[in-house]
Amino acid sequence: MSDSSSNPMSRRRFLRGAAAALPGAAVLPAAAGWPLSVLRTVALSTAGVGSLSLQGCGASGEPDPGAASWPDAEGGDLLFRISLAQWSLHRTLRAGELDNLDFPRVTRSDYGLDAVEYVNTFFKDKAEDEAYLADLKGRCQDHGVWSLLIMCDGEGAIGDPDPAGRTRAVENHYRWVEAARFLGCHSIRVNAQSRGSRQEQRELAADGLRRLTEFAADREINILVENHGGLSSDGSWLAGVMRAVDHPRCGTLPDFGNFRIAEDHWYDRYTGVRELMPFARAVSAKSHAFDEEGNEREMDYVRLMRIVLDAGYRGYVGIEYEGTELSEAEGILATKALLERVRETLKGAFS
């Protein structure tokens, strides 16, 4: 697959187009993964907004722990921005009621959000289809939507004890790294499956992740691991894997809900999020059901987001509604409203 910079829609033109489509955007998404050198060349101005701000961007264009907040269109501060994880619409997609190519449009028109997180299973055979990816990228541009990451499943165990199986799993992810690069994502999310003792799995997962990360680093893509069942849902174990990999391009995607290690064994979600946040490049706001006041029934979102912000994270927080009491559309909007209320509640504490 060719480098996205060779596409007729260059990085700089894409940035201009996205900003023009977002009259309310006072800052480019810090989590978009654009090098700061590229961002600095872009001087953008929109009616009533003013010049481009790089607040929230570190040297790589990713969230800067030292950044206080992101300015919004009204001159206030946004502690974090909100994106939509595609899994929130998995039933709609599987039923054929929504096509993957229309995900960016729906994200903007139905939910008022400007960034998406894909799931590879909804375009599994398109990772190397440049025409398809160019169409998807163009639709994002048309609707002023940023592609943040691709969540990758079904590509093998990164920590497979069999060396050949581990190599196969690592190489299976190469095409998704290339696809993410083409779309302008900052990361792909992988799983850290393995077998053996706790220590053996740590070493095996770290080996596979390090090899994949080295491939991705050459393409300016991050490799993120989500707490996604098994030992990966043990915050201390996954944090240990991150320390073993010891690469700036390898990090975590803490999910508020995925802390089930085994059938009847759950890891404390608040402890787990706190342990994973030092390595986080993305955050997943899982939700299932809401009380009459609009709060998630099983999760204290204020407490969770305080942990996220205390770690210095100022990137996108992705909505991942997975409940059944509300429709997918209703659940997404309920999660969005909850995150917005929490953001306002915590504003004073992090100003």
Protein backbone atom coordinates (compact mmCIF):
# COMPACT_ATOMS: atom_id res chain seq x y z
CA MET A 1 0.00 0.00 0.00
CA SER A 2 1.32 3.40 -0.93
CA ASP A 3 2.19 6.11 1.56
CA SER A 4 -0.82 8.36 2.29
CA SER A 5 1.40 11.36 1.58
CA SER A 6 1.48 10.33 -2.08
CA ASN A 7 -2.30 10.44 -2.35
CA PRO A 8 -3.65 13.48 -4.27
CA MET A 9 -5.27 14.57 -1.02
CA SER A 10 -2.07 15.40 0.84
CA ARG A 11 -1.83 15.66 4.60
CA ARG A 12 -1.81 19.43 4.45
CA ARG A 13 -4.86 19.61 2.17
CA PHE A 14 -6.64 17.10 4.40
CA LEU A 15 -6.00 19.29 7.43
CA ARG A 16 -7.31 22.34 5.64
CA GLY A 17 -10.39 20.50 4.43
CA ALA A 18 -11.20 19.07 7.83
CA ALA A 19 -10.86 22.43 9.52
CA ALA A 20 -13.00 24.14 6.88
CA ALA A 21 -15.72 21.58 7.45
CA LEU A 22 -15.62 22.26 11.17
CA PRO A 23 -16.57 25.91 11.67
CA GLY A 24 -16.76 25.32 15.39
CA ALA A 25 -13.34 23.73 15.69
CA ALA A 26 -10.86 25.94 17.51
CA VAL A 27 -8.17 23.27 17.69
CA LEU A 28 -7.04 20.37 15.56
CA PRO A 29 -7.52 17.03 17.33
CA ALA A 30 -4.40 16.49 19.41
CA ALA A 31 -4.90 12.74 19.24
CA ALA A 32 -4.94 12.66 15.46
CA GLY A 33 -1.26 11.73 15.39
CA TRP A 34 -0.09 14.44 12.98
CA PRO A 35 3.56 15.44 13.50
CA LEU A 36 3.84 18.87 15.09
CA SER A 37 6.07 19.97 12.23
CA VAL A 38 3.15 19.42 9.86
CA LEU A 39 0.63 21.09 12.13
CA ARG A 40 2.83 24.16 12.49
CA THR A 41 2.70 24.76 8.74
CA VAL A 42 -1.05 25.06 8.77
CA ALA A 43 -2.46 28.50 9.53
CA LEU A 44 -6.20 28.13 9.83
CA SER A 45 -8.87 30.65 10.59
CA THR A 46 -12.63 30.18 10.72
CA ALA A 47 -15.39 32.70 11.25
CA GLY A 48 -15.66 33.66 14.89
CA VAL A 49 -13.00 31.20 15.95
CA GLY A 50 -9.58 32.67 15.26
CA SER A 51 -6.27 31.01 14.57
CA LEU A 52 -5.35 27.38 15.01
CA SER A 53 -4.32 26.47 18.54
CA LEU A 54 -1.88 23.66 19.25
CA GLN A 55 -2.77 23.53 22.92
CA GLY A 56 -2.98 19.89 23.93
CA CYS A 57 -0.38 18.74 21.38
CA GLY A 58 2.98 17.32 22.34
CA ALA A 59 6.05 16.91 20.16
CA SER A 60 4.40 14.10 18.18
CA GLY A 61 1.08 15.87 17.79
CA GLU A 62 -0.45 13.61 20.43
CA PRO A 63 -1.94 14.55 23.81
CA ASP A 64 0.48 16.52 25.95
CA PRO A 65 0.16 15.67 29.67
CA GLY A 66 1.21 19.23 30.39
CA ALA A 67 -1.66 20.79 28.48
CA ALA A 68 -4.34 22.31 30.70
CA SER A 69 -7.31 22.01 28.34
CA TRP A 70 -8.58 22.45 24.78
CA PRO A 71 -10.34 25.71 23.84
CA ASP A 72 -13.81 25.33 22.38
CA ALA A 73 -15.61 27.54 19.88
CA GLU A 74 -17.17 29.69 22.60
CA GLY A 75 -13.84 30.44 24.26
CA GLY A 76 -14.32 28.01 27.14
CA ASP A 77 -12.17 25.01 27.91
CA LEU A 78 -12.69 21.36 26.97
CA LEU A 79 -10.79 18.93 29.15
CA PHE A 80 -11.24 16.19 26.57
CA ARG A 81 -13.05 15.61 23.30
CA ILE A 82 -15.49 12.83 22.47
CA SER A 83 -15.26 10.30 19.64
CA LEU A 84 -17.43 7.37 18.56
CA ALA A 85 -16.22 3.78 18.64
CA GLN A 86 -17.76 1.78 15.81
CA TRP A 87 -18.62 -1.11 18.10
CA SER A 88 -21.41 1.07 19.49
CA LEU A 89 -23.25 0.36 16.22
CA HIS A 90 -22.27 -3.29 15.80
CA ARG A 91 -25.85 -4.60 15.68
CA THR A 92 -26.86 -1.98 13.12
CA LEU A 93 -23.82 -2.76 10.98
CA ARG A 94 -24.28 -6.51 11.20
CA ALA A 95 -27.94 -6.19 10.24
CA GLY A 96 -26.92 -4.36 7.08
CA GLU A 97 -28.75 -1.21 8.19
CA LEU A 98 -25.52 0.79 8.06
CA ASP A 99 -22.58 0.42 5.71
CA ASN A 100 -19.06 0.89 7.03
CA LEU A 101 -18.46 3.66 4.49
CA ASP A 102 -21.35 5.65 5.97
CA PHE A 103 -20.01 5.51 9.52
CA PRO A 104 -18.27 8.91 9.31
CA ARG A 105 -21.41 10.61 7.96
CA VAL A 106 -23.62 9.13 10.68
CA THR A 107 -21.08 10.05 13.35
CA ARG A 108 -21.31 13.70 12.32
CA SER A 109 -24.99 14.00 11.30
CA ASP A 110 -26.66 11.82 13.94
CA TYR A 111 -24.36 12.29 16.92
CA GLY A 112 -22.58 15.60 16.34
CA LEU A 113 -19.13 14.08 16.82
CA ASP A 114 -15.97 14.72 14.82
CA ALA A 115 -13.83 11.60 15.30
CA VAL A 116 -14.23 7.86 14.79
CA GLU A 117 -12.63 4.64 15.98
CA TYR A 118 -13.06 1.77 13.53
CA VAL A 119 -13.38 -1.98 14.14
CA ASN A 120 -11.58 -4.06 11.52
CA THR A 121 -14.25 -6.77 11.38
CA PHE A 122 -16.59 -4.37 9.58
CA PHE A 123 -14.20 -4.05 6.63
CA LYS A 124 -12.06 -7.13 7.14
CA ASP A 125 -11.35 -7.72 3.45
CA LYS A 126 -10.59 -4.06 2.68
CA ALA A 127 -7.33 -3.50 4.57
CA GLU A 128 -5.32 -3.56 1.34
CA ASP A 129 -8.02 -2.13 -0.94
CA GLU A 130 -6.63 1.34 -1.61
CA ALA A 131 -9.69 2.48 -3.58
CA TYR A 132 -11.97 1.53 -0.70
CA LEU A 133 -9.76 3.22 1.88
CA ALA A 134 -9.52 6.33 -0.28
CA ASP A 135 -13.33 6.42 -0.45
CA LEU A 136 -13.58 6.08 3.33
CA LYS A 137 -10.95 8.76 3.87
CA GLY A 138 -12.72 11.05 1.44
CA ARG A 139 -16.01 10.64 3.26
CA CYS A 140 -14.32 11.55 6.53
CA GLN A 141 -12.97 14.67 4.87
CA ASP A 142 -16.38 15.53 3.41
CA HIS A 143 -17.99 15.43 6.85
CA GLY A 144 -15.11 16.89 8.88
CA VAL A 145 -14.48 13.67 10.75
CA TRP A 146 -11.09 12.45 12.02
CA SER A 147 -10.03 8.80 11.83
CA LEU A 148 -8.35 8.06 15.15
CA LEU A 149 -7.65 4.34 15.29
CA ILE A 150 -8.59 0.85 14.10
CA MET A 151 -9.51 -1.79 16.68
CA CYS A 152 -8.16 -5.10 15.35
CA ASP A 153 -9.59 -8.50 16.25
CA GLY A 154 -9.29 -11.98 14.78
CA GLU A 155 -5.68 -11.67 13.62
CA GLY A 156 -4.07 -14.23 15.93
CA ALA A 157 -2.45 -14.22 19.35
CA ILE A 158 0.32 -11.63 19.65
CA GLY A 159 1.70 -13.68 22.54
CA ASP A 160 1.28 -17.12 20.96
CA PRO A 161 3.71 -19.57 22.65
CA ASP A 162 4.43 -21.09 19.23
CA PRO A 163 7.07 -18.87 17.58
CA ALA A 164 5.60 -19.41 14.12
CA GLY A 165 2.10 -18.58 15.36
CA ARG A 166 3.38 -15.46 17.11
CA THR A 167 5.18 -14.29 13.97
CA ARG A 168 2.07 -14.97 11.91
CA ALA A 169 -0.06 -12.89 14.30
CA VAL A 170 2.42 -10.03 14.24
CA GLU A 171 2.55 -10.02 10.45
CA ASN A 172 -1.24 -10.31 10.14
CA HIS A 173 -1.44 -6.87 11.74
CA TYR A 174 0.93 -5.24 9.26
CA ARG A 175 -1.85 -4.52 6.77
CA TRP A 176 -3.88 -2.78 9.47
CA VAL A 177 -0.90 -0.61 10.37
CA GLU A 178 -0.67 0.38 6.70
CA ALA A 179 -4.43 0.98 6.51
CA ALA A 180 -4.33 3.12 9.65
CA ARG A 181 -1.50 5.15 8.17
CA PHE A 182 -3.41 5.66 4.93
CA LEU A 183 -6.54 6.84 6.78
CA GLY A 184 -4.58 9.23 8.99
CA CYS A 185 -5.11 7.30 12.24
CA HIS A 186 -2.67 7.58 15.12
CA SER A 187 -2.95 3.93 16.26
CA ILE A 188 -4.27 0.44 15.89
CA ARG A 189 -5.61 -1.45 18.90
CA VAL A 190 -4.53 -5.07 19.26
CA ASN A 191 -5.13 -7.86 21.76
CA ALA A 192 -2.46 -9.44 23.95
CA GLN A 193 -3.62 -13.06 24.03
CA SER A 194 -1.17 -15.69 25.18
CA ARG A 195 -0.96 -18.95 27.10
CA GLY A 196 1.15 -20.19 29.98
CA SER A 197 2.05 -18.84 33.40
CA ARG A 198 1.60 -15.19 34.24
CA GLN A 199 5.30 -14.51 33.69
CA GLU A 200 5.46 -16.55 30.49
CA GLN A 201 2.50 -14.70 29.02
CA ARG A 202 4.06 -11.38 29.95
CA GLU A 203 7.27 -12.25 28.11
CA LEU A 204 5.51 -13.70 25.06
CA ALA A 205 3.09 -10.79 24.70
CA ALA A 206 5.91 -8.30 25.13
CA ASP A 207 7.92 -10.02 22.41
CA GLY A 208 5.08 -9.93 19.89
CA LEU A 209 4.13 -6.37 20.76
CA ARG A 210 7.71 -5.13 20.52
CA ARG A 211 8.13 -6.61 17.06
CA LEU A 212 4.84 -5.18 15.82
CA THR A 213 5.60 -1.82 17.41
CA GLU A 214 8.96 -1.61 15.67
CA PHE A 215 7.21 -2.14 12.33
CA ALA A 216 4.53 0.44 13.16
CA ALA A 217 6.98 3.01 14.53
CA ASP A 218 8.62 3.32 11.12
CA ARG A 219 5.18 4.35 9.84
CA GLU A 220 4.40 6.73 12.73
CA ILE A 221 1.61 4.48 14.04
CA ASN A 222 1.12 3.47 17.67
CA ILE A 223 0.27 -0.03 18.87
CA LEU A 224 -2.28 0.04 21.70
CA VAL A 225 -3.46 -2.82 23.90
CA GLU A 226 -6.93 -2.78 25.43
CA ASN A 227 -7.94 -4.60 28.59
CA HIS A 228 -9.96 -7.17 26.65
CA GLY A 229 -10.32 -10.33 28.70
CA GLY A 230 -7.91 -12.84 30.21
CA LEU A 231 -4.75 -11.46 31.75
CA SER A 232 -5.08 -8.29 29.69
CA SER A 233 -7.93 -7.34 32.03
CA ASP A 234 -5.50 -7.46 34.95
CA GLY A 235 -4.23 -3.88 35.09
CA SER A 236 -1.02 -4.73 36.88
CA TRP A 237 -0.15 -7.47 34.37
CA LEU A 238 -0.80 -5.28 31.33
CA ALA A 239 1.14 -2.38 32.86
CA GLY A 240 4.01 -4.84 33.34
CA VAL A 241 3.80 -5.80 29.68
CA MET A 242 4.07 -2.12 28.72
CA ARG A 243 7.16 -1.72 30.87
CA ALA A 244 8.66 -4.85 29.30
CA VAL A 245 8.04 -3.59 25.75
CA ASP A 246 9.48 -0.22 26.75
CA HIS A 247 8.76 1.58 23.48
CA PRO A 248 7.20 5.05 23.16
CA ARG A 249 4.95 3.83 20.35
CA CYS A 250 3.44 1.01 22.43
CA GLY A 251 0.68 1.99 24.84
CA THR A 252 -2.72 1.15 26.23
CA LEU A 253 -6.38 1.81 25.50
CA PRO A 254 -8.06 1.59 28.92
CA ASP A 255 -11.69 0.47 28.63
CA PHE A 256 -13.94 1.33 31.57
CA GLY A 257 -15.82 -1.96 31.36
CA ASN A 258 -13.54 -4.79 30.21
CA PHE A 259 -12.10 -6.01 33.50
CA ARG A 260 -13.40 -9.57 33.49
CA ILE A 261 -10.38 -11.85 33.79
CA ALA A 262 -12.31 -15.13 34.01
CA GLU A 263 -15.90 -16.31 34.46
CA ASP A 264 -16.26 -15.17 38.07
CA HIS A 265 -13.07 -13.14 38.42
CA TRP A 266 -13.28 -9.38 37.94
CA TYR A 267 -10.48 -6.87 38.37
CA ASP A 268 -11.35 -3.61 40.10
CA ARG A 269 -12.09 -1.18 37.27
CA TYR A 270 -10.87 1.92 39.11
CA THR A 271 -7.57 0.31 40.05
CA GLY A 272 -7.18 -1.03 36.53
CA VAL A 273 -7.80 2.30 34.81
CA ARG A 274 -5.36 4.00 37.18
CA GLU A 275 -2.67 1.41 36.39
CA LEU A 276 -3.16 1.68 32.62
CA MET A 277 -3.47 5.44 32.25
CA PRO A 278 0.29 6.20 32.38
CA PHE A 279 0.57 4.36 29.04
CA ALA A 280 -2.73 5.48 27.48
CA ARG A 281 -3.01 6.93 23.97
CA ALA A 282 -6.80 6.48 23.85
CA VAL A 283 -9.64 5.84 26.31
CA SER A 284 -12.85 3.85 25.83
CA ALA A 285 -15.96 4.98 27.72
CA LYS A 286 -17.88 1.71 27.89
CA SER A 287 -21.55 1.95 28.86
CA HIS A 288 -24.42 -0.51 29.27
CA ALA A 289 -27.37 0.93 31.19
CA PHE A 290 -28.39 4.22 32.77
CA ASP A 291 -30.41 5.30 35.79
CA GLU A 292 -33.17 7.91 35.74
CA GLU A 293 -30.63 10.70 36.12
CA GLY A 294 -28.60 9.53 33.13
CA ASN A 295 -25.71 8.02 35.10
CA GLU A 296 -24.17 4.69 34.15
CA ARG A 297 -25.57 2.18 36.64
CA GLU A 298 -22.41 0.18 37.27
CA MET A 299 -19.68 2.77 36.74
CA ASP A 300 -18.91 6.04 38.46
CA TYR A 301 -18.01 8.13 35.43
CA VAL A 302 -16.92 11.11 37.50
CA ARG A 303 -14.48 8.93 39.41
CA LEU A 304 -13.24 7.23 36.25
CA MET A 305 -12.75 10.46 34.33
CA ARG A 306 -11.01 12.03 37.30
CA ILE A 307 -8.50 9.16 37.14
CA VAL A 308 -8.10 9.73 33.39
CA LEU A 309 -7.53 13.46 33.79
CA ASP A 310 -5.30 13.08 36.85
CA ALA A 311 -2.97 11.08 34.58
CA GLY A 312 -2.65 14.12 32.34
CA TYR A 313 -4.65 12.65 29.46
CA ARG A 314 -6.26 15.27 27.22
CA GLY A 315 -7.09 13.25 24.11
CA TYR A 316 -10.32 11.82 22.76
CA VAL A 317 -12.57 9.63 24.89
CA GLY A 318 -14.46 7.14 22.72
CA ILE A 319 -18.10 6.27 23.29
CA GLU A 320 -18.57 2.49 23.29
CA TYR A 321 -22.18 1.74 24.10
CA GLU A 322 -22.80 -1.98 24.52
CA GLY A 323 -26.18 -2.13 26.23
CA THR A 324 -29.56 -3.51 25.21
CA GLU A 325 -32.09 -1.52 27.25
CA LEU A 326 -31.70 1.45 24.91
CA SER A 327 -31.31 1.29 21.16
CA GLU A 328 -27.78 1.79 19.89
CA ALA A 329 -28.61 5.35 18.83
CA GLU A 330 -30.19 6.16 22.20
CA GLY A 331 -27.30 4.57 24.08
CA ILE A 332 -24.72 6.56 22.14
CA LEU A 333 -26.54 9.82 22.83
CA ALA A 334 -26.97 8.92 26.51
CA THR A 335 -23.24 8.20 26.85
CA LYS A 336 -22.37 11.42 25.05
CA ALA A 337 -24.63 13.42 27.38
CA LEU A 338 -23.07 11.74 30.41
CA LEU A 339 -19.53 12.50 29.25
CA GLU A 340 -20.47 16.12 28.59
CA ARG A 341 -21.95 16.48 32.08
CA VAL A 342 -18.88 14.90 33.65
CA ARG A 343 -16.63 17.20 31.65
CA GLU A 344 -18.51 20.22 32.96
CA THR A 345 -18.48 18.84 36.52
CA LEU A 346 -14.70 18.33 36.49
CA LYS A 347 -13.89 21.54 34.65
CA GLY A 348 -13.14 23.54 37.77
CA ALA A 349 -10.91 20.86 39.25
CA PHE A 350 -8.60 20.83 36.22
CA SER A 351 -8.71 24.44 35.07
